[in-house]
Amino acid sequence: MSVLLEMSMFPTDKSESKSKEVSEVIKVIRDSGANYQLTSMATIIETNTIGEAFSLAEKCYLKLEELGCNRVYATLKFDIRKGHENRLKNKIATVESYIGEVSK
C-alpha cells in the first residue's frame, strides 16, 4: 500500500516568518526515514500505512508543542492506494512520460 500525505503544519502564535519552526518539522519527517518531497507550500510524505502517516503527523505536532507553540494550523490530505509503492516518484514519472521533464 502507498499512503501519500500532503501536509502543511506551522504555528500561528509566533512571528510572521515560520521557517524556523517548519525546519524543525521537516527534521522530524527527515529523521523518520519516510520518503518526502518539500515544496514551497507543503510537504508530501509517502508511508506504507495510514497509521504511519497519522503517527508522523502527530510527531510533527509534538515537536511544535515542544518548541512552545500554543496554536498550530495544519492541513492534511491523503491519497491512499493499495497494491502500489514509490508513488512519490512514479506519479511524476508517469506525467513526464507524456510531456517530458516537468521540474527545473
N, C-alpha and C. Protein backbone atom coordinates (compact mmCIF):
# COMPACT_ATOMS: atom_id res chain seq x y z
N MET A 1 0.84 -1.18 0.00
CA MET A 1 0.00 0.00 0.00
C MET A 1 0.88 1.24 0.00
N SER A 2 0.39 2.26 -0.61
CA SER A 2 1.08 3.55 -0.62
C SER A 2 0.13 4.60 -0.08
N VAL A 3 0.57 5.30 0.95
CA VAL A 3 -0.20 6.41 1.50
C VAL A 3 0.60 7.68 1.24
N LEU A 4 0.06 8.54 0.40
CA LEU A 4 0.66 9.85 0.19
C LEU A 4 -0.06 10.83 1.09
N LEU A 5 0.70 11.56 1.87
CA LEU A 5 0.17 12.57 2.77
C LEU A 5 0.77 13.91 2.36
N GLU A 6 -0.10 14.84 2.00
CA GLU A 6 0.36 16.21 1.76
C GLU A 6 0.03 16.98 3.04
N MET A 7 1.06 17.50 3.69
CA MET A 7 0.87 18.13 4.99
C MET A 7 1.52 19.50 5.04
N SER A 8 0.79 20.42 5.64
CA SER A 8 1.32 21.72 5.97
C SER A 8 1.02 21.92 7.45
N MET A 9 2.04 22.26 8.25
CA MET A 9 1.84 22.42 9.68
C MET A 9 2.77 23.51 10.18
N PHE A 10 2.20 24.49 10.87
CA PHE A 10 3.01 25.60 11.37
C PHE A 10 2.27 26.30 12.51
N PRO A 11 3.01 26.99 13.38
CA PRO A 11 2.37 27.72 14.48
C PRO A 11 1.77 29.03 13.97
N THR A 12 0.70 29.44 14.61
CA THR A 12 0.11 30.73 14.26
C THR A 12 0.35 31.77 15.36
N ASP A 13 1.00 31.35 16.43
CA ASP A 13 1.22 32.27 17.55
C ASP A 13 2.67 32.75 17.65
N LYS A 14 3.41 32.59 16.57
CA LYS A 14 4.81 33.02 16.55
C LYS A 14 4.97 34.18 15.56
N SER A 15 6.17 34.42 15.13
CA SER A 15 6.46 35.55 14.24
C SER A 15 5.84 35.35 12.85
N GLU A 16 5.94 36.40 12.05
CA GLU A 16 5.40 36.36 10.69
C GLU A 16 6.07 35.24 9.88
N SER A 17 7.38 35.09 10.01
CA SER A 17 8.10 34.02 9.33
C SER A 17 7.95 32.72 10.11
N LYS A 18 7.69 31.65 9.40
CA LYS A 18 7.50 30.34 10.03
C LYS A 18 8.65 29.37 9.73
N SER A 19 9.68 29.84 9.02
CA SER A 19 10.72 28.93 8.52
C SER A 19 11.47 28.21 9.63
N LYS A 20 11.69 28.84 10.75
CA LYS A 20 12.41 28.19 11.85
C LYS A 20 11.63 26.98 12.36
N GLU A 21 10.34 27.18 12.62
CA GLU A 21 9.52 26.08 13.13
C GLU A 21 9.28 25.02 12.06
N VAL A 22 9.05 25.45 10.83
CA VAL A 22 8.84 24.50 9.75
C VAL A 22 10.10 23.64 9.55
N SER A 23 11.26 24.24 9.71
CA SER A 23 12.51 23.48 9.59
C SER A 23 12.57 22.36 10.63
N GLU A 24 12.09 22.62 11.81
CA GLU A 24 12.07 21.60 12.86
C GLU A 24 11.09 20.48 12.51
N VAL A 25 9.97 20.83 11.91
CA VAL A 25 9.00 19.82 11.46
C VAL A 25 9.63 18.96 10.36
N ILE A 26 10.33 19.60 9.44
CA ILE A 26 10.97 18.85 8.35
C ILE A 26 12.03 17.90 8.90
N LYS A 27 12.74 18.32 9.95
CA LYS A 27 13.72 17.41 10.57
C LYS A 27 13.04 16.15 11.11
N VAL A 28 11.87 16.31 11.71
CA VAL A 28 11.12 15.15 12.21
C VAL A 28 10.78 14.22 11.05
N ILE A 29 10.32 14.79 9.96
CA ILE A 29 9.96 13.99 8.79
C ILE A 29 11.20 13.31 8.21
N ARG A 30 12.27 14.07 8.05
CA ARG A 30 13.52 13.52 7.51
C ARG A 30 14.03 12.38 8.38
N ASP A 31 14.02 12.59 9.69
CA ASP A 31 14.55 11.58 10.61
C ASP A 31 13.67 10.34 10.72
N SER A 32 12.42 10.44 10.24
CA SER A 32 11.52 9.28 10.29
C SER A 32 11.91 8.21 9.29
N GLY A 33 12.67 8.60 8.27
CA GLY A 33 13.05 7.65 7.22
C GLY A 33 12.04 7.55 6.09
N ALA A 34 10.91 8.23 6.22
CA ALA A 34 9.90 8.20 5.15
C ALA A 34 10.40 8.99 3.95
N ASN A 35 9.98 8.59 2.77
CA ASN A 35 10.26 9.38 1.58
C ASN A 35 9.40 10.62 1.63
N TYR A 36 9.97 11.76 1.27
CA TYR A 36 9.21 13.00 1.30
C TYR A 36 9.73 13.97 0.26
N GLN A 37 8.89 14.93 -0.06
CA GLN A 37 9.25 15.99 -1.01
C GLN A 37 8.77 17.31 -0.42
N LEU A 38 9.69 18.19 -0.13
CA LEU A 38 9.36 19.52 0.37
C LEU A 38 8.99 20.42 -0.80
N THR A 39 7.88 21.14 -0.68
CA THR A 39 7.51 22.14 -1.67
C THR A 39 7.40 23.47 -0.94
N SER A 40 7.15 24.52 -1.66
CA SER A 40 7.07 25.85 -1.03
C SER A 40 5.81 26.03 -0.20
N MET A 41 4.81 25.20 -0.39
CA MET A 41 3.55 25.35 0.33
C MET A 41 3.20 24.18 1.25
N ALA A 42 3.83 23.03 1.07
CA ALA A 42 3.50 21.84 1.86
C ALA A 42 4.61 20.82 1.67
N THR A 43 4.49 19.73 2.40
CA THR A 43 5.41 18.61 2.26
C THR A 43 4.60 17.37 1.92
N ILE A 44 5.07 16.61 0.94
CA ILE A 44 4.40 15.38 0.54
C ILE A 44 5.22 14.22 1.08
N ILE A 45 4.58 13.34 1.81
CA ILE A 45 5.24 12.24 2.50
C ILE A 45 4.60 10.94 2.04
N GLU A 46 5.42 9.90 1.84
CA GLU A 46 4.88 8.59 1.48
C GLU A 46 5.17 7.61 2.60
N THR A 47 4.11 6.94 3.07
CA THR A 47 4.25 5.89 4.08
C THR A 47 3.58 4.63 3.56
N ASN A 48 3.74 3.54 4.30
CA ASN A 48 3.14 2.27 3.90
C ASN A 48 1.74 2.06 4.45
N THR A 49 1.40 2.77 5.52
CA THR A 49 0.08 2.61 6.14
C THR A 49 -0.46 3.97 6.57
N ILE A 50 -1.77 4.03 6.73
CA ILE A 50 -2.39 5.25 7.22
C ILE A 50 -1.95 5.53 8.66
N GLY A 51 -1.75 4.47 9.44
CA GLY A 51 -1.29 4.63 10.82
C GLY A 51 0.07 5.31 10.89
N GLU A 52 0.98 4.92 10.00
CA GLU A 52 2.30 5.56 9.96
C GLU A 52 2.17 7.04 9.62
N ALA A 53 1.28 7.37 8.70
CA ALA A 53 1.09 8.76 8.29
C ALA A 53 0.55 9.59 9.46
N PHE A 54 -0.47 9.07 10.16
CA PHE A 54 -1.03 9.78 11.30
C PHE A 54 -0.01 9.91 12.43
N SER A 55 0.76 8.86 12.66
CA SER A 55 1.78 8.90 13.70
C SER A 55 2.83 9.96 13.41
N LEU A 56 3.24 10.06 12.16
CA LEU A 56 4.23 11.06 11.78
C LEU A 56 3.67 12.47 11.93
N ALA A 57 2.42 12.66 11.54
CA ALA A 57 1.78 13.97 11.72
C ALA A 57 1.74 14.34 13.20
N GLU A 58 1.44 13.36 14.05
CA GLU A 58 1.41 13.62 15.49
C GLU A 58 2.80 13.99 16.01
N LYS A 59 3.83 13.30 15.55
CA LYS A 59 5.20 13.62 15.98
C LYS A 59 5.58 15.04 15.57
N CYS A 60 5.13 15.45 14.39
CA CYS A 60 5.40 16.82 13.94
C CYS A 60 4.72 17.83 14.86
N TYR A 61 3.47 17.55 15.21
CA TYR A 61 2.76 18.43 16.13
C TYR A 61 3.47 18.48 17.49
N LEU A 62 3.88 17.33 17.99
CA LEU A 62 4.54 17.29 19.29
C LEU A 62 5.85 18.08 19.28
N LYS A 63 6.54 18.11 18.15
CA LYS A 63 7.75 18.92 18.03
C LYS A 63 7.40 20.40 18.18
N LEU A 64 6.34 20.84 17.53
CA LEU A 64 5.93 22.24 17.65
C LEU A 64 5.50 22.56 19.08
N GLU A 65 4.83 21.63 19.71
CA GLU A 65 4.44 21.81 21.10
C GLU A 65 5.68 21.94 21.99
N GLU A 66 6.67 21.10 21.72
CA GLU A 66 7.95 21.15 22.45
C GLU A 66 8.64 22.51 22.28
N LEU A 67 8.45 23.13 21.13
CA LEU A 67 9.05 24.43 20.85
C LEU A 67 8.26 25.59 21.46
N GLY A 68 7.20 25.26 22.17
CA GLY A 68 6.42 26.29 22.84
C GLY A 68 5.31 26.89 22.01
N CYS A 69 4.93 26.23 20.95
CA CYS A 69 3.84 26.74 20.11
C CYS A 69 2.51 26.41 20.79
N ASN A 70 1.70 27.41 20.99
CA ASN A 70 0.42 27.23 21.66
C ASN A 70 -0.76 27.11 20.70
N ARG A 71 -0.54 27.49 19.45
CA ARG A 71 -1.58 27.35 18.44
C ARG A 71 -0.93 26.90 17.14
N VAL A 72 -1.44 25.80 16.59
CA VAL A 72 -0.86 25.19 15.38
C VAL A 72 -1.95 25.03 14.33
N TYR A 73 -1.63 25.42 13.11
CA TYR A 73 -2.50 25.23 11.96
C TYR A 73 -1.94 24.07 11.14
N ALA A 74 -2.82 23.16 10.72
CA ALA A 74 -2.36 22.04 9.91
C ALA A 74 -3.41 21.67 8.88
N THR A 75 -2.94 21.30 7.70
CA THR A 75 -3.79 20.70 6.69
C THR A 75 -3.20 19.35 6.35
N LEU A 76 -4.04 18.35 6.22
CA LEU A 76 -3.62 17.00 5.87
C LEU A 76 -4.51 16.51 4.73
N LYS A 77 -3.89 16.07 3.63
CA LYS A 77 -4.62 15.48 2.52
C LYS A 77 -3.98 14.12 2.23
N PHE A 78 -4.82 13.12 1.98
CA PHE A 78 -4.33 11.77 1.75
C PHE A 78 -4.71 11.26 0.37
N ASP A 79 -3.83 10.45 -0.21
CA ASP A 79 -4.12 9.67 -1.41
C ASP A 79 -3.64 8.26 -1.08
N ILE A 80 -4.58 7.36 -0.87
CA ILE A 80 -4.28 6.01 -0.40
C ILE A 80 -4.57 5.03 -1.53
N ARG A 81 -3.57 4.21 -1.85
CA ARG A 81 -3.75 3.26 -2.95
C ARG A 81 -3.11 1.92 -2.61
N LYS A 82 -3.92 0.89 -2.64
CA LYS A 82 -3.43 -0.47 -2.37
C LYS A 82 -2.69 -1.00 -3.59
N GLY A 83 -1.71 -1.86 -3.33
CA GLY A 83 -1.01 -2.54 -4.41
C GLY A 83 0.02 -1.70 -5.14
N HIS A 84 0.35 -0.55 -4.60
CA HIS A 84 1.34 0.32 -5.24
C HIS A 84 2.35 0.80 -4.20
N GLU A 85 3.49 1.23 -4.70
CA GLU A 85 4.52 1.81 -3.84
C GLU A 85 5.35 2.79 -4.65
N ASN A 86 6.14 3.58 -3.95
CA ASN A 86 7.03 4.57 -4.58
C ASN A 86 6.27 5.54 -5.48
N ARG A 87 5.06 5.88 -5.09
CA ARG A 87 4.25 6.78 -5.92
C ARG A 87 4.73 8.22 -5.86
N LEU A 88 5.48 8.57 -4.84
CA LEU A 88 6.01 9.93 -4.75
C LEU A 88 6.82 10.26 -6.01
N LYS A 89 7.54 9.29 -6.52
CA LYS A 89 8.33 9.49 -7.74
C LYS A 89 7.61 8.97 -8.98
N ASN A 90 6.91 7.86 -8.85
CA ASN A 90 6.27 7.25 -10.03
C ASN A 90 5.18 8.12 -10.63
N LYS A 91 4.44 8.85 -9.80
CA LYS A 91 3.38 9.71 -10.35
C LYS A 91 3.97 10.81 -11.23
N ILE A 92 5.08 11.36 -10.82
CA ILE A 92 5.75 12.39 -11.62
C ILE A 92 6.32 11.78 -12.89
N ALA A 93 6.92 10.60 -12.75
CA ALA A 93 7.50 9.92 -13.92
C ALA A 93 6.43 9.63 -14.97
N THR A 94 5.24 9.27 -14.53
CA THR A 94 4.16 9.00 -15.48
C THR A 94 3.79 10.25 -16.26
N VAL A 95 3.66 11.37 -15.58
CA VAL A 95 3.35 12.63 -16.28
C VAL A 95 4.47 12.98 -17.24
N GLU A 96 5.72 12.81 -16.78
CA GLU A 96 6.86 13.13 -17.64
C GLU A 96 6.93 12.22 -18.86
N SER A 97 6.39 11.00 -18.75
CA SER A 97 6.39 10.11 -19.91
C SER A 97 5.48 10.66 -21.02
N TYR A 98 4.54 11.49 -20.65
CA TYR A 98 3.64 12.10 -21.63
C TYR A 98 4.16 13.44 -22.17
N ILE A 99 4.77 14.26 -21.28
CA ILE A 99 5.10 15.61 -21.72
C ILE A 99 6.58 16.00 -21.55
N GLY A 100 7.41 15.09 -21.05
CA GLY A 100 8.80 15.41 -20.82
C GLY A 100 9.01 15.94 -19.40
N GLU A 101 10.23 16.36 -19.13
CA GLU A 101 10.59 16.83 -17.79
C GLU A 101 9.70 17.97 -17.34
N VAL A 102 9.23 17.90 -16.09
CA VAL A 102 8.33 18.94 -15.58
C VAL A 102 8.97 19.86 -14.55
N SER A 103 10.10 19.47 -14.00
CA SER A 103 10.74 20.34 -13.00
C SER A 103 12.06 20.85 -13.51
N LYS A 104 12.44 21.99 -12.98
CA LYS A 104 13.72 22.60 -13.38
C LYS A 104 14.71 22.48 -12.27
